[in-house]
Amino acid sequence: MAHRAVDAVLGSRYPAPLEATQAAAQVASAPDEPCGPRAKSFVACMTDEANGGELEACRYYLDSLQACRRQSAGGGSEMQ
């Protein structure tokens, strides 16, 4: 149930690669976004030719970004 609530706020935990990259680029471009550095790392990974745009190759960065957004949205507390 908690995962559904998180998905409703942040979107699916398993977004399509292009959608995830676009969403992260939007977060990274917001000057007051606390998760901007993590979003930039994810976008850089996804656009790196060595990774071929494969989401699984960048899973660490996506998970880190989503954890940051959960913490930001929840005031720093995390429920699962």
PDB file of N, CA and C in Angstrom:
ATOM      1  N   MET A   1       0.828  -1.185   0.000  1.00  0.00           N
ATOM      2  CA  MET A   1       0.000   0.000   0.000  1.00  0.00           C
ATOM      3  C   MET A   1       0.873   1.249   0.000  1.00  0.00           C
ATOM      4  N   ALA A   2       1.921   1.273   0.791  1.00  0.00           N
ATOM      5  CA  ALA A   2       2.806   2.442   0.821  1.00  0.00           C
ATOM      6  C   ALA A   2       3.451   2.665  -0.539  1.00  0.00           C
ATOM      7  N   HIS A   3       3.777   1.576  -1.237  1.00  0.00           N
ATOM      8  CA  HIS A   3       4.380   1.724  -2.562  1.00  0.00           C
ATOM      9  C   HIS A   3       3.421   2.395  -3.524  1.00  0.00           C
ATOM     10  N   ARG A   4       2.136   2.096  -3.427  1.00  0.00           N
ATOM     11  CA  ARG A   4       1.147   2.741  -4.301  1.00  0.00           C
ATOM     12  C   ARG A   4       1.063   4.225  -4.022  1.00  0.00           C
ATOM     13  N   ALA A   5       1.156   4.603  -2.760  1.00  0.00           N
ATOM     14  CA  ALA A   5       1.121   6.021  -2.406  1.00  0.00           C
ATOM     15  C   ALA A   5       2.350   6.733  -2.958  1.00  0.00           C
ATOM     16  N   VAL A   6       3.504   6.090  -2.842  1.00  0.00           N
ATOM     17  CA  VAL A   6       4.727   6.682  -3.380  1.00  0.00           C
ATOM     18  C   VAL A   6       4.628   6.801  -4.896  1.00  0.00           C
ATOM     19  N   ASP A   7       4.124   5.753  -5.542  1.00  0.00           N
ATOM     20  CA  ASP A   7       3.954   5.797  -6.997  1.00  0.00           C
ATOM     21  C   ASP A   7       3.024   6.930  -7.411  1.00  0.00           C
ATOM     22  N   ALA A   8       1.987   7.166  -6.631  1.00  0.00           N
ATOM     23  CA  ALA A   8       1.040   8.230  -6.963  1.00  0.00           C
ATOM     24  C   ALA A   8       1.703   9.599  -6.889  1.00  0.00           C
ATOM     25  N   VAL A   9       2.613   9.770  -5.947  1.00  0.00           N
ATOM     26  CA  VAL A   9       3.289  11.057  -5.779  1.00  0.00           C
ATOM     27  C   VAL A   9       4.468  11.202  -6.731  1.00  0.00           C
ATOM     28  N   LEU A  10       5.291  10.179  -6.824  1.00  0.00           N
ATOM     29  CA  LEU A  10       6.526  10.269  -7.595  1.00  0.00           C
ATOM     30  C   LEU A  10       6.461   9.618  -8.961  1.00  0.00           C
ATOM     31  N   GLY A  11       5.401   8.920  -9.246  1.00  0.00           N
ATOM     32  CA  GLY A  11       5.337   8.163 -10.485  1.00  0.00           C
ATOM     33  C   GLY A  11       5.803   6.747 -10.230  1.00  0.00           C
ATOM     34  N   SER A  12       5.729   5.943 -11.236  1.00  0.00           N
ATOM     35  CA  SER A  12       6.099   4.542 -11.113  1.00  0.00           C
ATOM     36  C   SER A  12       7.556   4.387 -10.694  1.00  0.00           C
ATOM     37  N   ARG A  13       7.823   3.341  -9.924  1.00  0.00           N
ATOM     38  CA  ARG A  13       9.210   3.046  -9.558  1.00  0.00           C
ATOM     39  C   ARG A  13       9.950   2.457 -10.743  1.00  0.00           C
ATOM     40  N   TYR A  14       9.241   2.078 -11.779  1.00  0.00           N
ATOM     41  CA  TYR A  14       9.846   1.461 -12.947  1.00  0.00           C
ATOM     42  C   TYR A  14       9.434   2.209 -14.214  1.00  0.00           C
ATOM     43  N   PRO A  15       9.859   3.475 -14.321  1.00  0.00           N
ATOM     44  CA  PRO A  15       9.457   4.257 -15.485  1.00  0.00           C
ATOM     45  C   PRO A  15      10.179   3.793 -16.743  1.00  0.00           C
ATOM     46  N   ALA A  16       9.601   4.118 -17.891  1.00  0.00           N
ATOM     47  CA  ALA A  16      10.271   3.850 -19.153  1.00  0.00           C
ATOM     48  C   ALA A  16      11.547   4.688 -19.181  1.00  0.00           C
ATOM     49  N   PRO A  17      12.623   4.184 -19.779  1.00  0.00           N
ATOM     50  CA  PRO A  17      13.891   4.914 -19.759  1.00  0.00           C
ATOM     51  C   PRO A  17      13.798   6.357 -20.258  1.00  0.00           C
ATOM     52  N   LEU A  18      13.131   6.600 -21.367  1.00  0.00           N
ATOM     53  CA  LEU A  18      13.037   7.954 -21.895  1.00  0.00           C
ATOM     54  C   LEU A  18      12.265   8.854 -20.934  1.00  0.00           C
ATOM     55  N   GLU A  19      11.157   8.360 -20.407  1.00  0.00           N
ATOM     56  CA  GLU A  19      10.364   9.137 -19.459  1.00  0.00           C
ATOM     57  C   GLU A  19      11.161   9.435 -18.192  1.00  0.00           C
ATOM     58  N   ALA A  20      11.903   8.457 -17.715  1.00  0.00           N
ATOM     59  CA  ALA A  20      12.713   8.656 -16.509  1.00  0.00           C
ATOM     60  C   ALA A  20      13.786   9.700 -16.756  1.00  0.00           C
ATOM     61  N   THR A  21      14.430   9.638 -17.914  1.00  0.00           N
ATOM     62  CA  THR A  21      15.476  10.602 -18.238  1.00  0.00           C
ATOM     63  C   THR A  21      14.903  12.003 -18.351  1.00  0.00           C
ATOM     64  N   GLN A  22      13.752  12.140 -18.998  1.00  0.00           N
ATOM     65  CA  GLN A  22      13.122  13.450 -19.138  1.00  0.00           C
ATOM     66  C   GLN A  22      12.705  14.004 -17.780  1.00  0.00           C
ATOM     67  N   ALA A  23      12.134  13.169 -16.935  1.00  0.00           N
ATOM     68  CA  ALA A  23      11.710  13.612 -15.608  1.00  0.00           C
ATOM     69  C   ALA A  23      12.917  14.045 -14.779  1.00  0.00           C
ATOM     70  N   ALA A  24      13.998  13.279 -14.847  1.00  0.00           N
ATOM     71  CA  ALA A  24      15.204  13.636 -14.099  1.00  0.00           C
ATOM     72  C   ALA A  24      15.806  14.934 -14.621  1.00  0.00           C
ATOM     73  N   ALA A  25      15.756  15.145 -15.928  1.00  0.00           N
ATOM     74  CA  ALA A  25      16.281  16.386 -16.507  1.00  0.00           C
ATOM     75  C   ALA A  25      15.487  17.588 -16.000  1.00  0.00           C
ATOM     76  N   GLN A  26      14.179  17.429 -15.854  1.00  0.00           N
ATOM     77  CA  GLN A  26      13.353  18.513 -15.331  1.00  0.00           C
ATOM     78  C   GLN A  26      13.704  18.807 -13.875  1.00  0.00           C
ATOM     79  N   VAL A  27      13.911  17.766 -13.092  1.00  0.00           N
ATOM     80  CA  VAL A  27      14.285  17.945 -11.687  1.00  0.00           C
ATOM     81  C   VAL A  27      15.647  18.625 -11.603  1.00  0.00           C
ATOM     82  N   ALA A  28      16.590  18.175 -12.413  1.00  0.00           N
ATOM     83  CA  ALA A  28      17.947  18.710 -12.372  1.00  0.00           C
ATOM     84  C   ALA A  28      17.996  20.169 -12.790  1.00  0.00           C
ATOM     85  N   SER A  29      17.058  20.604 -13.632  1.00  0.00           N
ATOM     86  CA  SER A  29      17.079  21.980 -14.120  1.00  0.00           C
ATOM     87  C   SER A  29      16.400  22.960 -13.160  1.00  0.00           C
ATOM     88  N   ALA A  30      15.707  22.452 -12.144  1.00  0.00           N
ATOM     89  CA  ALA A  30      15.062  23.327 -11.161  1.00  0.00           C
ATOM     90  C   ALA A  30      16.114  23.806 -10.167  1.00  0.00           C
ATOM     91  N   PRO A  31      16.325  25.119 -10.060  1.00  0.00           N
ATOM     92  CA  PRO A  31      17.409  25.628  -9.221  1.00  0.00           C
ATOM     93  C   PRO A  31      17.260  25.327  -7.730  1.00  0.00           C
ATOM     94  N   ASP A  32      16.040  25.184  -7.225  1.00  0.00           N
ATOM     95  CA  ASP A  32      15.849  24.942  -5.798  1.00  0.00           C
ATOM     96  C   ASP A  32      15.538  23.481  -5.484  1.00  0.00           C
ATOM     97  N   GLU A  33      15.735  22.605  -6.441  1.00  0.00           N
ATOM     98  CA  GLU A  33      15.440  21.186  -6.269  1.00  0.00           C
ATOM     99  C   GLU A  33      16.535  20.531  -5.421  1.00  0.00           C
ATOM    100  N   PRO A  34      16.181  19.988  -4.233  1.00  0.00           N
ATOM    101  CA  PRO A  34      17.198  19.382  -3.372  1.00  0.00           C
ATOM    102  C   PRO A  34      17.812  18.113  -3.961  1.00  0.00           C
ATOM    103  N   CYS A  35      17.125  17.488  -4.895  1.00  0.00           N
ATOM    104  CA  CYS A  35      17.629  16.245  -5.479  1.00  0.00           C
ATOM    105  C   CYS A  35      18.286  16.479  -6.842  1.00  0.00           C
ATOM    106  N   GLY A  36      18.509  17.728  -7.194  1.00  0.00           N
ATOM    107  CA  GLY A  36      19.090  18.074  -8.489  1.00  0.00           C
ATOM    108  C   GLY A  36      20.397  17.358  -8.804  1.00  0.00           C
ATOM    109  N   PRO A  37      21.355  17.309  -7.868  1.00  0.00           N
ATOM    110  CA  PRO A  37      22.614  16.618  -8.174  1.00  0.00           C
ATOM    111  C   PRO A  37      22.417  15.130  -8.494  1.00  0.00           C
ATOM    112  N   ARG A  38      21.504  14.491  -7.793  1.00  0.00           N
ATOM    113  CA  ARG A  38      21.239  13.071  -8.064  1.00  0.00           C
ATOM    114  C   ARG A  38      20.559  12.906  -9.415  1.00  0.00           C
ATOM    115  N   ALA A  39      19.681  13.842  -9.754  1.00  0.00           N
ATOM    116  CA  ALA A  39      19.015  13.795 -11.057  1.00  0.00           C
ATOM    117  C   ALA A  39      20.032  13.980 -12.168  1.00  0.00           C
ATOM    118  N   LYS A  40      20.986  14.900 -11.971  1.00  0.00           N
ATOM    119  CA  LYS A  40      22.026  15.123 -12.981  1.00  0.00           C
ATOM    120  C   LYS A  40      22.865  13.869 -13.186  1.00  0.00           C
ATOM    121  N   SER A  41      23.174  13.172 -12.095  1.00  0.00           N
ATOM    122  CA  SER A  41      23.953  11.936 -12.201  1.00  0.00           C
ATOM    123  C   SER A  41      23.186  10.880 -12.992  1.00  0.00           C
ATOM    124  N   PHE A  42      21.881  10.781 -12.742  1.00  0.00           N
ATOM    125  CA  PHE A  42      21.069   9.812 -13.464  1.00  0.00           C
ATOM    126  C   PHE A  42      20.998  10.159 -14.948  1.00  0.00           C
ATOM    127  N   VAL A  43      20.775  11.422 -15.270  1.00  0.00           N
ATOM    128  CA  VAL A  43      20.707  11.846 -16.675  1.00  0.00           C
ATOM    129  C   VAL A  43      22.043  11.582 -17.363  1.00  0.00           C
ATOM    130  N   ALA A  44      23.138  11.895 -16.674  1.00  0.00           N
ATOM    131  CA  ALA A  44      24.457  11.660 -17.261  1.00  0.00           C
ATOM    132  C   ALA A  44      24.667  10.175 -17.553  1.00  0.00           C
ATOM    133  N   CYS A  45      24.235   9.329 -16.646  1.00  0.00           N
ATOM    134  CA  CYS A  45      24.360   7.887 -16.855  1.00  0.00           C
ATOM    135  C   CYS A  45      23.530   7.426 -18.044  1.00  0.00           C
ATOM    136  N   MET A  46      22.293   7.905 -18.117  1.00  0.00           N
ATOM    137  CA  MET A  46      21.393   7.482 -19.193  1.00  0.00           C
ATOM    138  C   MET A  46      21.846   7.973 -20.566  1.00  0.00           C
ATOM    139  N   THR A  47      22.526   9.104 -20.599  1.00  0.00           N
ATOM    140  CA  THR A  47      22.958   9.649 -21.884  1.00  0.00           C
ATOM    141  C   THR A  47      24.375   9.222 -22.252  1.00  0.00           C
ATOM    142  N   ASP A  48      25.044   8.508 -21.357  1.00  0.00           N
ATOM    143  CA  ASP A  48      26.390   8.009 -21.626  1.00  0.00           C
ATOM    144  C   ASP A  48      26.294   6.875 -22.652  1.00  0.00           C
ATOM    145  N   GLU A  49      26.991   7.014 -23.754  1.00  0.00           N
ATOM    146  CA  GLU A  49      26.935   6.004 -24.816  1.00  0.00           C
ATOM    147  C   GLU A  49      27.393   4.636 -24.334  1.00  0.00           C
ATOM    148  N   ALA A  50      28.284   4.605 -23.359  1.00  0.00           N
ATOM    149  CA  ALA A  50      28.770   3.330 -22.841  1.00  0.00           C
ATOM    150  C   ALA A  50      27.646   2.517 -22.209  1.00  0.00           C
ATOM    151  N   ASN A  51      26.631   3.209 -21.688  1.00  0.00           N
ATOM    152  CA  ASN A  51      25.500   2.514 -21.056  1.00  0.00           C
ATOM    153  C   ASN A  51      24.394   2.205 -22.049  1.00  0.00           C
ATOM    154  N   GLY A  52      24.427   2.822 -23.210  1.00  0.00           N
ATOM    155  CA  GLY A  52      23.444   2.545 -24.253  1.00  0.00           C
ATOM    156  C   GLY A  52      22.022   2.922 -23.881  1.00  0.00           C
ATOM    157  N   GLY A  53      21.852   3.832 -22.934  1.00  0.00           N
ATOM    158  CA  GLY A  53      20.499   4.228 -22.548  1.00  0.00           C
ATOM    159  C   GLY A  53      19.739   3.153 -21.796  1.00  0.00           C
ATOM    160  N   GLU A  54      20.459   2.180 -21.266  1.00  0.00           N
ATOM    161  CA  GLU A  54      19.824   1.079 -20.544  1.00  0.00           C
ATOM    162  C   GLU A  54      19.517   1.483 -19.110  1.00  0.00           C
ATOM    163  N   LEU A  55      18.253   1.397 -18.747  1.00  0.00           N
ATOM    164  CA  LEU A  55      17.830   1.775 -17.404  1.00  0.00           C
ATOM    165  C   LEU A  55      18.530   0.932 -16.347  1.00  0.00           C
ATOM    166  N   GLU A  56      18.676  -0.338 -16.571  1.00  0.00           N
ATOM    167  CA  GLU A  56      19.305  -1.207 -15.572  1.00  0.00           C
ATOM    168  C   GLU A  56      20.756  -0.825 -15.323  1.00  0.00           C
ATOM    169  N   ALA A  57      21.439  -0.295 -16.324  1.00  0.00           N
ATOM    170  CA  ALA A  57      22.825   0.137 -16.145  1.00  0.00           C
ATOM    171  C   ALA A  57      22.897   1.350 -15.218  1.00  0.00           C
ATOM    172  N   CYS A  58      21.804   2.078 -15.114  1.00  0.00           N
ATOM    173  CA  CYS A  58      21.754   3.300 -14.309  1.00  0.00           C
ATOM    174  C   CYS A  58      20.837   3.155 -13.103  1.00  0.00           C
ATOM    175  N   ARG A  59      20.476   1.935 -12.767  1.00  0.00           N
ATOM    176  CA  ARG A  59      19.532   1.667 -11.677  1.00  0.00           C
ATOM    177  C   ARG A  59      19.976   2.321 -10.368  1.00  0.00           C
ATOM    178  N   TYR A  60      21.264   2.276 -10.054  1.00  0.00           N
ATOM    179  CA  TYR A  60      21.758   2.871  -8.809  1.00  0.00           C
ATOM    180  C   TYR A  60      21.384   4.347  -8.732  1.00  0.00           C
ATOM    181  N   TYR A  61      21.602   5.074  -9.822  1.00  0.00           N
ATOM    182  CA  TYR A  61      21.320   6.513  -9.839  1.00  0.00           C
ATOM    183  C   TYR A  61      19.823   6.789  -9.755  1.00  0.00           C
ATOM    184  N   LEU A  62      19.033   5.971 -10.421  1.00  0.00           N
ATOM    185  CA  LEU A  62      17.578   6.135 -10.355  1.00  0.00           C
ATOM    186  C   LEU A  62      17.080   5.860  -8.940  1.00  0.00           C
ATOM    187  N   ASP A  63      17.553   4.795  -8.333  1.00  0.00           N
ATOM    188  CA  ASP A  63      17.142   4.468  -6.961  1.00  0.00           C
ATOM    189  C   ASP A  63      17.539   5.579  -5.988  1.00  0.00           C
ATOM    190  N   SER A  64      18.733   6.123  -6.164  1.00  0.00           N
ATOM    191  CA  SER A  64      19.202   7.212  -5.312  1.00  0.00           C
ATOM    192  C   SER A  64      18.324   8.446  -5.475  1.00  0.00           C
ATOM    193  N   LEU A  65      17.974   8.776  -6.710  1.00  0.00           N
ATOM    194  CA  LEU A  65      17.108   9.923  -6.985  1.00  0.00           C
ATOM    195  C   LEU A  65      15.731   9.719  -6.366  1.00  0.00           C
ATOM    196  N   GLN A  66      15.160   8.544  -6.537  1.00  0.00           N
ATOM    197  CA  GLN A  66      13.831   8.282  -5.997  1.00  0.00           C
ATOM    198  C   GLN A  66      13.836   8.300  -4.471  1.00  0.00           C
ATOM    199  N   ALA A  67      14.896   7.802  -3.850  1.00  0.00           N
ATOM    200  CA  ALA A  67      14.997   7.849  -2.390  1.00  0.00           C
ATOM    201  C   ALA A  67      15.063   9.293  -1.910  1.00  0.00           C
ATOM    202  N   CYS A  68      15.807  10.115  -2.616  1.00  0.00           N
ATOM    203  CA  CYS A  68      15.903  11.533  -2.262  1.00  0.00           C
ATOM    204  C   CYS A  68      14.537  12.203  -2.380  1.00  0.00           C
ATOM    205  N   ARG A  69      13.820  11.909  -3.444  1.00  0.00           N
ATOM    206  CA  ARG A  69      12.510  12.529  -3.641  1.00  0.00           C
ATOM    207  C   ARG A  69      11.511  12.057  -2.590  1.00  0.00           C
ATOM    208  N   ARG A  70      11.594  10.780  -2.205  1.00  0.00           N
ATOM    209  CA  ARG A  70      10.707  10.284  -1.139  1.00  0.00           C
ATOM    210  C   ARG A  70      10.990  11.017   0.161  1.00  0.00           C
ATOM    211  N   GLN A  71      12.267  11.191   0.485  1.00  0.00           N
ATOM    212  CA  GLN A  71      12.650  11.876   1.711  1.00  0.00           C
ATOM    213  C   GLN A  71      12.220  13.337   1.664  1.00  0.00           C
ATOM    214  N   SER A  72      12.368  13.975   0.526  1.00  0.00           N
ATOM    215  CA  SER A  72      11.975  15.376   0.376  1.00  0.00           C
ATOM    216  C   SER A  72      10.460  15.532   0.517  1.00  0.00           C
ATOM    217  N   ALA A  73       9.719  14.627  -0.088  1.00  0.00           N
ATOM    218  CA  ALA A  73       8.259  14.701  -0.048  1.00  0.00           C
ATOM    219  C   ALA A  73       7.725  14.343   1.332  1.00  0.00           C
ATOM    220  N   GLY A  74       8.422  13.476   2.039  1.00  0.00           N
ATOM    221  CA  GLY A  74       7.942  13.024   3.340  1.00  0.00           C
ATOM    222  C   GLY A  74       8.549  13.760   4.510  1.00  0.00           C
ATOM    223  N   GLY A  75       9.253  14.822   4.242  1.00  0.00           N
ATOM    224  CA  GLY A  75       9.849  15.586   5.335  1.00  0.00           C
ATOM    225  C   GLY A  75      11.013  14.885   5.994  1.00  0.00           C
ATOM    226  N   GLY A  76      11.647  13.960   5.247  1.00  0.00           N
ATOM    227  CA  GLY A  76      12.825  13.298   5.784  1.00  0.00           C
ATOM    228  C   GLY A  76      12.546  11.940   6.390  1.00  0.00           C
ATOM    229  N   SER A  77      11.288  11.584   6.582  1.00  0.00           N
ATOM    230  CA  SER A  77      10.987  10.264   7.134  1.00  0.00           C
ATOM    231  C   SER A  77      10.579   9.337   6.013  1.00  0.00           C
ATOM    232  N   GLU A  78      10.905   8.075   6.175  1.00  0.00           N
ATOM    233  CA  GLU A  78      10.609   7.112   5.131  1.00  0.00           C
ATOM    234  C   GLU A  78       9.793   5.976   5.715  1.00  0.00           C
ATOM    235  N   MET A  79       8.660   5.657   5.065  1.00  0.00           N
ATOM    236  CA  MET A  79       7.790   4.572   5.521  1.00  0.00           C
ATOM    237  C   MET A  79       7.735   3.507   4.453  1.00  0.00           C
ATOM    238  N   GLN A  80       7.796   2.241   4.875  1.00  0.00           N
ATOM    239  CA  GLN A  80       7.648   1.157   3.903  1.00  0.00           C
ATOM    240  C   GLN A  80       6.831   0.059   4.449  1.00  0.00           C
TER     241      GLN A  80
END
